[in-house]
Structure formats: C-alpha cells, structure tokens
PDB file of all heavy atoms in Angstrom:
ATOM      1  N   ALA A   1      25.476  25.603  73.631  1.00  0.00           N
ATOM      2  CA  ALA A   1      25.271  26.369  74.875  1.00  0.00           C
ATOM      3  C   ALA A   1      26.324  26.221  75.904  1.00  0.00           C
ATOM      4  O   ALA A   1      26.159  26.706  76.979  1.00  0.00           O
ATOM      5  CB  ALA A   1      23.817  26.115  75.436  1.00  0.00           C
ATOM      6  N   TRP A   2      27.441  25.676  75.558  1.00  0.00           N
ATOM      7  CA  TRP A   2      28.574  25.566  76.486  1.00  0.00           C
ATOM      8  C   TRP A   2      29.078  26.866  76.950  1.00  0.00           C
ATOM      9  O   TRP A   2      29.301  27.074  78.090  1.00  0.00           O
ATOM     10  CB  TRP A   2      29.734  24.720  75.905  1.00  0.00           C
ATOM     11  CG  TRP A   2      29.360  23.348  75.635  1.00  0.00           C
ATOM     12  CD1 TRP A   2      28.320  22.638  76.108  1.00  0.00           C
ATOM     13  CD2 TRP A   2      30.145  22.379  74.798  1.00  0.00           C
ATOM     14  NE1 TRP A   2      28.298  21.337  75.673  1.00  0.00           N
ATOM     15  CE2 TRP A   2      29.430  21.161  74.883  1.00  0.00           C
ATOM     16  CE3 TRP A   2      31.360  22.505  74.120  1.00  0.00           C
ATOM     17  CZ2 TRP A   2      29.919  20.029  74.205  1.00  0.00           C
ATOM     18  CZ3 TRP A   2      31.819  21.348  73.445  1.00  0.00           C
ATOM     19  CH2 TRP A   2      31.162  20.190  73.491  1.00  0.00           C
ATOM     20  N   GLY A   3      29.215  27.810  75.985  1.00  0.00           N
ATOM     21  CA  GLY A   3      29.743  29.149  76.298  1.00  0.00           C
ATOM     22  C   GLY A   3      28.779  29.873  77.248  1.00  0.00           C
ATOM     23  O   GLY A   3      29.250  30.534  78.159  1.00  0.00           O
ATOM     24  N   TRP A   4      27.445  29.767  77.036  1.00  0.00           N
ATOM     25  CA  TRP A   4      26.520  30.468  77.948  1.00  0.00           C
ATOM     26  C   TRP A   4      26.622  29.849  79.322  1.00  0.00           C
ATOM     27  O   TRP A   4      26.595  30.694  80.282  1.00  0.00           O
ATOM     28  CB  TRP A   4      25.116  30.268  77.331  1.00  0.00           C
ATOM     29  CG  TRP A   4      24.122  31.264  77.967  1.00  0.00           C
ATOM     30  CD1 TRP A   4      23.799  32.479  77.525  1.00  0.00           C
ATOM     31  CD2 TRP A   4      23.461  31.035  79.131  1.00  0.00           C
ATOM     32  NE1 TRP A   4      22.893  33.062  78.388  1.00  0.00           N
ATOM     33  CE2 TRP A   4      22.560  32.193  79.346  1.00  0.00           C
ATOM     34  CE3 TRP A   4      23.374  30.024  80.104  1.00  0.00           C
ATOM     35  CZ2 TRP A   4      21.753  32.380  80.506  1.00  0.00           C
ATOM     36  CZ3 TRP A   4      22.402  30.114  81.172  1.00  0.00           C
ATOM     37  CH2 TRP A   4      21.725  31.320  81.345  1.00  0.00           C
ATOM     38  N   ALA A   5      26.610  28.598  79.441  1.00  0.00           N
ATOM     39  CA  ALA A   5      26.758  27.987  80.785  1.00  0.00           C
ATOM     40  C   ALA A   5      28.103  28.389  81.510  1.00  0.00           C
ATOM     41  O   ALA A   5      28.051  28.663  82.662  1.00  0.00           O
ATOM     42  CB  ALA A   5      26.751  26.441  80.653  1.00  0.00           C
ATOM     43  N   TYR A   6      29.135  28.375  80.762  1.00  0.00           N
ATOM     44  CA  TYR A   6      30.436  28.912  81.290  1.00  0.00           C
ATOM     45  C   TYR A   6      30.338  30.333  81.748  1.00  0.00           C
ATOM     46  O   TYR A   6      30.813  30.615  82.876  1.00  0.00           O
ATOM     47  CB  TYR A   6      31.569  28.721  80.207  1.00  0.00           C
ATOM     48  CG  TYR A   6      32.894  29.414  80.688  1.00  0.00           C
ATOM     49  CD1 TYR A   6      33.655  28.835  81.606  1.00  0.00           C
ATOM     50  CD2 TYR A   6      33.187  30.652  80.094  1.00  0.00           C
ATOM     51  CE1 TYR A   6      34.821  29.488  82.059  1.00  0.00           C
ATOM     52  CE2 TYR A   6      34.347  31.291  80.601  1.00  0.00           C
ATOM     53  CZ  TYR A   6      35.122  30.736  81.431  1.00  0.00           C
ATOM     54  OH  TYR A   6      36.327  31.363  81.876  1.00  0.00           O
ATOM     55  N   GLY A   7      29.789  31.190  80.957  1.00  0.00           N
ATOM     56  CA  GLY A   7      29.598  32.598  81.285  1.00  0.00           C
ATOM     57  C   GLY A   7      28.755  32.753  82.538  1.00  0.00           C
ATOM     58  O   GLY A   7      29.074  33.572  83.459  1.00  0.00           O
ATOM     59  N   PHE A   8      27.678  31.955  82.596  1.00  0.00           N
ATOM     60  CA  PHE A   8      26.813  32.046  83.813  1.00  0.00           C
ATOM     61  C   PHE A   8      27.513  31.639  85.124  1.00  0.00           C
ATOM     62  O   PHE A   8      27.582  32.313  86.147  1.00  0.00           O
ATOM     63  CB  PHE A   8      25.548  31.180  83.667  1.00  0.00           C
ATOM     64  CG  PHE A   8      24.525  31.437  84.705  1.00  0.00           C
ATOM     65  CD1 PHE A   8      23.420  32.263  84.457  1.00  0.00           C
ATOM     66  CD2 PHE A   8      24.608  30.758  85.941  1.00  0.00           C
ATOM     67  CE1 PHE A   8      22.484  32.471  85.427  1.00  0.00           C
ATOM     68  CE2 PHE A   8      23.646  30.985  86.975  1.00  0.00           C
ATOM     69  CZ  PHE A   8      22.547  31.897  86.722  1.00  0.00           C
ATOM     70  N   LEU A   9      28.291  30.506  84.976  1.00  0.00           N
ATOM     71  CA  LEU A   9      29.014  30.104  86.172  1.00  0.00           C
ATOM     72  C   LEU A   9      30.167  30.970  86.572  1.00  0.00           C
ATOM     73  O   LEU A   9      30.560  31.173  87.706  1.00  0.00           O
ATOM     74  CB  LEU A   9      29.557  28.652  85.933  1.00  0.00           C
ATOM     75  CG  LEU A   9      28.405  27.559  85.901  1.00  0.00           C
ATOM     76  CD1 LEU A   9      28.940  26.239  85.435  1.00  0.00           C
ATOM     77  CD2 LEU A   9      27.610  27.467  87.109  1.00  0.00           C
ATOM     78  N   LEU A  10      30.770  31.629  85.503  1.00  0.00           N
ATOM     79  CA  LEU A  10      31.735  32.681  85.746  1.00  0.00           C
ATOM     80  C   LEU A  10      31.147  33.793  86.538  1.00  0.00           C
ATOM     81  O   LEU A  10      31.760  34.381  87.499  1.00  0.00           O
ATOM     82  CB  LEU A  10      32.349  33.187  84.436  1.00  0.00           C
ATOM     83  CG  LEU A  10      33.394  34.240  84.540  1.00  0.00           C
ATOM     84  CD1 LEU A  10      34.676  33.716  85.264  1.00  0.00           C
ATOM     85  CD2 LEU A  10      33.807  34.753  83.196  1.00  0.00           C
ATOM     86  N   GLY A  11      29.900  34.095  86.274  1.00  0.00           N
ATOM     87  CA  GLY A  11      29.223  35.217  86.975  1.00  0.00           C
ATOM     88  C   GLY A  11      29.019  34.752  88.446  1.00  0.00           C
ATOM     89  O   GLY A  11      29.141  35.579  89.384  1.00  0.00           O
ATOM     90  N   THR A  12      28.637  33.519  88.607  1.00  0.00           N
ATOM     91  CA  THR A  12      28.357  33.066  90.051  1.00  0.00           C
ATOM     92  C   THR A  12      29.644  33.072  90.839  1.00  0.00           C
ATOM     93  O   THR A  12      29.661  33.227  92.057  1.00  0.00           O
ATOM     94  CB  THR A  12      27.750  31.721  90.095  1.00  0.00           C
ATOM     95  OG1 THR A  12      28.742  30.751  89.568  1.00  0.00           O
ATOM     96  CG2 THR A  12      26.434  31.677  89.199  1.00  0.00           C
ATOM     97  N   SER A  13      30.761  32.933  90.153  1.00  0.00           N
ATOM     98  CA  SER A  13      32.080  32.856  90.905  1.00  0.00           C
ATOM     99  C   SER A  13      32.414  34.174  91.559  1.00  0.00           C
ATOM    100  O   SER A  13      33.230  34.141  92.477  1.00  0.00           O
ATOM    101  CB  SER A  13      33.206  32.384  89.962  1.00  0.00           C
ATOM    102  OG  SER A  13      33.576  33.534  89.091  1.00  0.00           O
ATOM    103  N   LEU A  14      31.776  35.233  91.146  1.00  0.00           N
ATOM    104  CA  LEU A  14      32.041  36.548  91.777  1.00  0.00           C
ATOM    105  C   LEU A  14      31.382  36.677  93.105  1.00  0.00           C
ATOM    106  O   LEU A  14      31.731  37.574  93.937  1.00  0.00           O
ATOM    107  CB  LEU A  14      31.620  37.715  90.859  1.00  0.00           C
ATOM    108  CG  LEU A  14      32.316  37.822  89.491  1.00  0.00           C
ATOM    109  CD1 LEU A  14      31.862  39.039  88.788  1.00  0.00           C
ATOM    110  CD2 LEU A  14      33.824  37.780  89.614  1.00  0.00           C
ATOM    111  N   ARG A  15      30.437  35.821  93.364  1.00  0.00           N
ATOM    112  CA  ARG A  15      29.801  35.724  94.666  1.00  0.00           C
ATOM    113  C   ARG A  15      29.588  34.286  94.990  1.00  0.00           C
ATOM    114  O   ARG A  15      28.463  33.767  95.381  1.00  0.00           O
ATOM    115  CB  ARG A  15      28.341  36.368  94.631  1.00  0.00           C
ATOM    116  CG  ARG A  15      28.455  37.957  94.497  1.00  0.00           C
ATOM    117  CD  ARG A  15      29.111  38.613  95.771  1.00  0.00           C
ATOM    118  NE  ARG A  15      29.175  40.052  95.683  1.00  0.00           N
ATOM    119  CZ  ARG A  15      30.219  40.729  95.075  1.00  0.00           C
ATOM    120  NH1 ARG A  15      31.244  40.018  94.591  1.00  0.00           N
ATOM    121  NH2 ARG A  15      30.231  42.043  95.173  1.00  0.00           N
ATOM    122  N   ARG A  16      30.755  33.532  95.054  1.00  0.00           N
ATOM    123  CA  ARG A  16      30.703  32.082  95.194  1.00  0.00           C
ATOM    124  C   ARG A  16      30.023  31.662  96.491  1.00  0.00           C
ATOM    125  O   ARG A  16      29.207  30.750  96.529  1.00  0.00           O
ATOM    126  CB  ARG A  16      32.166  31.627  95.245  1.00  0.00           C
ATOM    127  CG  ARG A  16      32.260  30.200  95.085  1.00  0.00           C
ATOM    128  CD  ARG A  16      33.759  29.691  95.118  1.00  0.00           C
ATOM    129  NE  ARG A  16      34.576  30.507  94.137  1.00  0.00           N
ATOM    130  CZ  ARG A  16      34.722  30.056  92.846  1.00  0.00           C
ATOM    131  NH1 ARG A  16      34.101  29.007  92.391  1.00  0.00           N
ATOM    132  NH2 ARG A  16      35.416  30.784  92.055  1.00  0.00           N
ATOM    133  N   GLU A  17      30.229  32.374  97.601  1.00  0.00           N
ATOM    134  CA  GLU A  17      29.720  31.936  98.863  1.00  0.00           C
ATOM    135  C   GLU A  17      28.172  32.117  98.912  1.00  0.00           C
ATOM    136  O   GLU A  17      27.441  31.271  99.395  1.00  0.00           O
ATOM    137  CB  GLU A  17      30.317  32.904 100.052  1.00  0.00           C
ATOM    138  CG  GLU A  17      29.759  32.453 101.399  1.00  0.00           C
ATOM    139  CD  GLU A  17      30.533  33.156 102.529  1.00  0.00           C
ATOM    140  OE1 GLU A  17      31.684  33.648 102.262  1.00  0.00           O
ATOM    141  OE2 GLU A  17      29.945  33.197 103.600  1.00  0.00           O
ATOM    142  N   ASP A  18      27.639  33.244  98.270  1.00  0.00           N
ATOM    143  CA  ASP A  18      26.215  33.493  98.178  1.00  0.00           C
ATOM    144  C   ASP A  18      25.471  32.444  97.373  1.00  0.00           C
ATOM    145  O   ASP A  18      24.390  32.093  97.615  1.00  0.00           O
ATOM    146  CB  ASP A  18      25.921  34.858  97.684  1.00  0.00           C
ATOM    147  CG  ASP A  18      26.500  35.898  98.700  1.00  0.00           C
ATOM    148  OD1 ASP A  18      26.467  35.713  99.865  1.00  0.00           O
ATOM    149  OD2 ASP A  18      26.922  36.988  98.222  1.00  0.00           O
ATOM    150  N   TRP A  19      26.172  32.064  96.275  1.00  0.00           N
ATOM    151  CA  TRP A  19      25.620  31.077  95.350  1.00  0.00           C
ATOM    152  C   TRP A  19      25.771  29.624  95.858  1.00  0.00           C
ATOM    153  O   TRP A  19      25.014  28.670  95.328  1.00  0.00           O
ATOM    154  CB  TRP A  19      26.299  31.214  94.018  1.00  0.00           C
ATOM    155  CG  TRP A  19      25.700  32.221  93.090  1.00  0.00           C
ATOM    156  CD1 TRP A  19      26.255  33.449  92.784  1.00  0.00           C
ATOM    157  CD2 TRP A  19      24.508  32.200  92.375  1.00  0.00           C
ATOM    158  NE1 TRP A  19      25.505  34.154  91.886  1.00  0.00           N
ATOM    159  CE2 TRP A  19      24.374  33.394  91.650  1.00  0.00           C
ATOM    160  CE3 TRP A  19      23.478  31.188  92.177  1.00  0.00           C
ATOM    161  CZ2 TRP A  19      23.325  33.631  90.832  1.00  0.00           C
ATOM    162  CZ3 TRP A  19      22.397  31.411  91.410  1.00  0.00           C
ATOM    163  CH2 TRP A  19      22.336  32.682  90.620  1.00  0.00           C
ATOM    164  N   HIS A  20      26.612  29.368  96.765  1.00  0.00           N
ATOM    165  CA  HIS A  20      26.895  27.976  97.088  1.00  0.00           C
ATOM    166  C   HIS A  20      25.751  27.106  97.477  1.00  0.00           C
ATOM    167  O   HIS A  20      25.669  25.988  96.871  1.00  0.00           O
ATOM    168  CB  HIS A  20      27.913  27.925  98.244  1.00  0.00           C
ATOM    169  CG  HIS A  20      28.235  26.492  98.817  1.00  0.00           C
ATOM    170  ND1 HIS A  20      29.068  25.646  98.155  1.00  0.00           N
ATOM    171  CD2 HIS A  20      27.915  25.836  99.883  1.00  0.00           C
ATOM    172  CE1 HIS A  20      29.080  24.553  98.700  1.00  0.00           C
ATOM    173  NE2 HIS A  20      28.393  24.640  99.848  1.00  0.00           N
ATOM    174  N   PRO A  21      24.730  27.541  98.243  1.00  0.00           N
ATOM    175  CA  PRO A  21      23.605  26.698  98.575  1.00  0.00           C
ATOM    176  C   PRO A  21      22.815  26.202  97.307  1.00  0.00           C
ATOM    177  O   PRO A  21      22.447  25.078  97.204  1.00  0.00           O
ATOM    178  CB  PRO A  21      22.773  27.544  99.492  1.00  0.00           C
ATOM    179  CG  PRO A  21      23.762  28.491 100.102  1.00  0.00           C
ATOM    180  CD  PRO A  21      24.686  28.799  99.060  1.00  0.00           C
ATOM    181  N   THR A  22      22.680  27.137  96.360  1.00  0.00           N
ATOM    182  CA  THR A  22      21.934  26.863  95.184  1.00  0.00           C
ATOM    183  C   THR A  22      22.748  25.884  94.249  1.00  0.00           C
ATOM    184  O   THR A  22      22.116  25.043  93.680  1.00  0.00           O
ATOM    185  CB  THR A  22      21.518  28.150  94.456  1.00  0.00           C
ATOM    186  OG1 THR A  22      20.906  29.053  95.371  1.00  0.00           O
ATOM    187  CG2 THR A  22      20.702  27.841  93.223  1.00  0.00           C
ATOM    188  N   ILE A  23      24.023  26.126  94.165  1.00  0.00           N
ATOM    189  CA  ILE A  23      24.873  25.293  93.313  1.00  0.00           C
ATOM    190  C   ILE A  23      24.888  23.948  93.928  1.00  0.00           C
ATOM    191  O   ILE A  23      24.773  22.969  93.173  1.00  0.00           O
ATOM    192  CB  ILE A  23      26.249  25.975  93.112  1.00  0.00           C
ATOM    193  CG1 ILE A  23      26.142  27.220  92.353  1.00  0.00           C
ATOM    194  CG2 ILE A  23      27.232  24.873  92.538  1.00  0.00           C
ATOM    195  CD1 ILE A  23      27.544  27.949  92.198  1.00  0.00           C
ATOM    196  N   TYR A  24      25.128  23.859  95.235  1.00  0.00           N
ATOM    197  CA  TYR A  24      25.134  22.570  95.900  1.00  0.00           C
ATOM    198  C   TYR A  24      23.886  21.734  95.735  1.00  0.00           C
ATOM    199  O   TYR A  24      23.874  20.513  95.374  1.00  0.00           O
ATOM    200  CB  TYR A  24      25.523  22.647  97.381  1.00  0.00           C
ATOM    201  CG  TYR A  24      25.667  21.355  98.035  1.00  0.00           C
ATOM    202  CD1 TYR A  24      26.716  20.587  97.909  1.00  0.00           C
ATOM    203  CD2 TYR A  24      24.576  20.885  98.878  1.00  0.00           C
ATOM    204  CE1 TYR A  24      26.817  19.296  98.601  1.00  0.00           C
ATOM    205  CE2 TYR A  24      24.644  19.674  99.508  1.00  0.00           C
ATOM    206  CZ  TYR A  24      25.758  18.952  99.355  1.00  0.00           C
ATOM    207  OH  TYR A  24      25.899  17.666 100.063  1.00  0.00           O
ATOM    208  N   ALA A  25      22.741  22.410  95.886  1.00  0.00           N
ATOM    209  CA  ALA A  25      21.486  21.760  95.752  1.00  0.00           C
ATOM    210  C   ALA A  25      21.231  21.309  94.327  1.00  0.00           C
ATOM    211  O   ALA A  25      20.666  20.267  94.066  1.00  0.00           O
ATOM    212  CB  ALA A  25      20.314  22.738  96.140  1.00  0.00           C
ATOM    213  N   SER A  26      21.745  22.016  93.354  1.00  0.00           N
ATOM    214  CA  SER A  26      21.580  21.689  91.967  1.00  0.00           C
ATOM    215  C   SER A  26      22.485  20.537  91.581  1.00  0.00           C
ATOM    216  O   SER A  26      22.132  19.730  90.584  1.00  0.00           O
ATOM    217  CB  SER A  26      21.871  22.887  91.032  1.00  0.00           C
ATOM    218  OG  SER A  26      20.921  23.893  91.292  1.00  0.00           O
ATOM    219  N   GLN A  27      23.584  20.427  92.321  1.00  0.00           N
ATOM    220  CA  GLN A  27      24.515  19.269  92.028  1.00  0.00           C
ATOM    221  C   GLN A  27      23.935  17.981  92.518  1.00  0.00           C
ATOM    222  O   GLN A  27      24.181  16.929  92.011  1.00  0.00           O
ATOM    223  CB  GLN A  27      25.831  19.528  92.724  1.00  0.00           C
ATOM    224  CG  GLN A  27      26.687  20.589  92.042  1.00  0.00           C
ATOM    225  CD  GLN A  27      28.003  20.917  92.898  1.00  0.00           C
ATOM    226  OE1 GLN A  27      27.906  20.834  94.135  1.00  0.00           O
ATOM    227  NE2 GLN A  27      29.009  21.365  92.199  1.00  0.00           N
ATOM    228  N   MET A  28      23.127  18.123  93.535  1.00  0.00           N
ATOM    229  CA  MET A  28      22.550  16.931  94.206  1.00  0.00           C
ATOM    230  C   MET A  28      21.138  16.451  93.638  1.00  0.00           C
ATOM    231  O   MET A  28      20.650  15.403  93.990  1.00  0.00           O
ATOM    232  CB  MET A  28      22.391  17.270  95.689  1.00  0.00           C
ATOM    233  CG  MET A  28      23.651  17.494  96.433  1.00  0.00           C
ATOM    234  SD  MET A  28      24.792  15.976  96.506  1.00  0.00           S
ATOM    235  CE  MET A  28      25.981  16.491  95.289  1.00  0.00           C
ATOM    236  N   SER A  29      20.688  17.342  92.683  1.00  0.00           N
ATOM    237  CA  SER A  29      19.232  17.077  92.238  1.00  0.00           C
ATOM    238  C   SER A  29      19.175  17.254  90.719  1.00  0.00           C
ATOM    239  O   SER A  29      19.820  18.059  90.165  1.00  0.00           O
ATOM    240  CB  SER A  29      18.275  17.931  92.957  1.00  0.00           C
ATOM    241  OG  SER A  29      17.028  17.916  92.411  1.00  0.00           O
ATOM    242  N   GLU A  30      18.293  16.452  90.121  1.00  0.00           N
ATOM    243  CA  GLU A  30      17.970  16.625  88.722  1.00  0.00           C
ATOM    244  C   GLU A  30      17.114  17.864  88.472  1.00  0.00           C
ATOM    245  O   GLU A  30      16.911  18.335  87.319  1.00  0.00           O
ATOM    246  CB  GLU A  30      17.333  15.432  88.180  1.00  0.00           C
ATOM    247  CG  GLU A  30      18.259  14.262  87.906  1.00  0.00           C
ATOM    248  CD  GLU A  30      19.262  14.450  86.799  1.00  0.00           C
ATOM    249  OE1 GLU A  30      18.855  15.065  85.793  1.00  0.00           O
ATOM    250  OE2 GLU A  30      20.405  14.012  86.936  1.00  0.00           O
ATOM    251  N   ASP A  31      16.479  18.352  89.565  1.00  0.00           N
ATOM    252  CA  ASP A  31      15.511  19.442  89.408  1.00  0.00           C
ATOM    253  C   ASP A  31      16.022  20.671  90.032  1.00  0.00           C
ATOM    254  O   ASP A  31      15.194  21.658  90.190  1.00  0.00           O
ATOM    255  CB  ASP A  31      14.122  19.019  90.070  1.00  0.00           C
ATOM    256  CG  ASP A  31      13.615  17.761  89.421  1.00  0.00           C
ATOM    257  OD1 ASP A  31      13.611  17.702  88.213  1.00  0.00           O
ATOM    258  OD2 ASP A  31      13.106  16.967  90.198  1.00  0.00           O
ATOM    259  N   GLY A  32      17.257  20.898  90.321  1.00  0.00           N
ATOM    260  CA  GLY A  32      17.773  22.118  90.856  1.00  0.00           C
ATOM    261  C   GLY A  32      17.693  23.258  89.910  1.00  0.00           C
ATOM    262  O   GLY A  32      17.788  23.080  88.599  1.00  0.00           O
ATOM    263  N   LEU A  33      17.594  24.435  90.360  1.00  0.00           N
ATOM    264  CA  LEU A  33      17.428  25.675  89.446  1.00  0.00           C
ATOM    265  C   LEU A  33      18.688  25.829  88.573  1.00  0.00           C
ATOM    266  O   LEU A  33      18.446  26.406  87.570  1.00  0.00           O
ATOM    267  CB  LEU A  33      17.158  26.890  90.331  1.00  0.00           C
ATOM    268  CG  LEU A  33      15.835  27.042  90.988  1.00  0.00           C
ATOM    269  CD1 LEU A  33      15.853  28.125  92.015  1.00  0.00           C
ATOM    270  CD2 LEU A  33      14.725  27.120  90.011  1.00  0.00           C
ATOM    271  N   LEU A  34      19.816  25.308  88.959  1.00  0.00           N
ATOM    272  CA  LEU A  34      21.005  25.470  88.161  1.00  0.00           C
ATOM    273  C   LEU A  34      21.410  24.154  87.521  1.00  0.00           C
ATOM    274  O   LEU A  34      22.462  24.110  86.834  1.00  0.00           O
ATOM    275  CB  LEU A  34      22.178  26.031  88.988  1.00  0.00           C
ATOM    276  CG  LEU A  34      21.992  27.405  89.558  1.00  0.00           C
ATOM    277  CD1 LEU A  34      23.219  27.835  90.283  1.00  0.00           C
ATOM    278  CD2 LEU A  34      21.567  28.437  88.512  1.00  0.00           C
ATOM    279  N   THR A  35      20.614  23.077  87.743  1.00  0.00           N
ATOM    280  CA  THR A  35      21.093  21.753  87.251  1.00  0.00           C
ATOM    281  C   THR A  35      21.382  21.712  85.696  1.00  0.00           C
ATOM    282  O   THR A  35      22.465  21.232  85.350  1.00  0.00           O
ATOM    283  CB  THR A  35      19.979  20.671  87.650  1.00  0.00           C
ATOM    284  OG1 THR A  35      19.879  20.638  89.027  1.00  0.00           O
ATOM    285  CG2 THR A  35      20.460  19.358  87.104  1.00  0.00           C
ATOM    286  N   PRO A  36      20.484  22.234  84.914  1.00  0.00           N
ATOM    287  CA  PRO A  36      20.867  22.164  83.418  1.00  0.00           C
ATOM    288  C   PRO A  36      22.079  22.999  83.140  1.00  0.00           C
ATOM    289  O   PRO A  36      22.803  22.640  82.174  1.00  0.00           O
ATOM    290  CB  PRO A  36      19.572  22.689  82.748  1.00  0.00           C
ATOM    291  CG  PRO A  36      18.825  23.455  83.816  1.00  0.00           C
ATOM    292  CD  PRO A  36      19.136  22.817  85.103  1.00  0.00           C
ATOM    293  N   ILE A  37      22.281  24.074  83.746  1.00  0.00           N
ATOM    294  CA  ILE A  37      23.555  24.882  83.482  1.00  0.00           C
ATOM    295  C   ILE A  37      24.720  24.095  83.852  1.00  0.00           C
ATOM    296  O   ILE A  37      25.687  24.057  83.164  1.00  0.00           O
ATOM    297  CB  ILE A  37      23.465  26.209  84.250  1.00  0.00           C
ATOM    298  CG1 ILE A  37      22.296  27.090  83.732  1.00  0.00           C
ATOM    299  CG2 ILE A  37      24.731  27.012  84.014  1.00  0.00           C
ATOM    300  CD1 ILE A  37      21.958  28.390  84.557  1.00  0.00           C
ATOM    301  N   LEU A  38      24.663  23.464  85.033  1.00  0.00           N
ATOM    302  CA  LEU A  38      25.761  22.721  85.505  1.00  0.00           C
ATOM    303  C   LEU A  38      26.052  21.508  84.572  1.00  0.00           C
ATOM    304  O   LEU A  38      27.246  21.161  84.151  1.00  0.00           O
ATOM    305  CB  LEU A  38      25.557  22.170  86.922  1.00  0.00           C
ATOM    306  CG  LEU A  38      25.554  23.225  88.046  1.00  0.00           C
ATOM    307  CD1 LEU A  38      25.059  22.657  89.321  1.00  0.00           C
ATOM    308  CD2 LEU A  38      27.023  23.743  88.188  1.00  0.00           C
TER     309      LEU A  38
END
C-alpha cells in the first residue's frame, strides 16, 4: 500500500495549508485520521 499512501499525500500537497492541521495532528498521535497513511 505504499503507492496508495504516496498518492494520497500527493493529493494533500495540492492544498498543503488546508491539510496542515490534520497532518500535524496525525504526526503527533497514533489515532490521527491520517496516521496509518503517514
């Protein structure tokens, strides 16, 4: 599933600022909505 995760994060990069709070929260937690993708 590496390719899928890469594709998803590539999609978030088109709106990096809007996604930043969710990505940051997921980096800091095991239960973040994006944690398994990261």
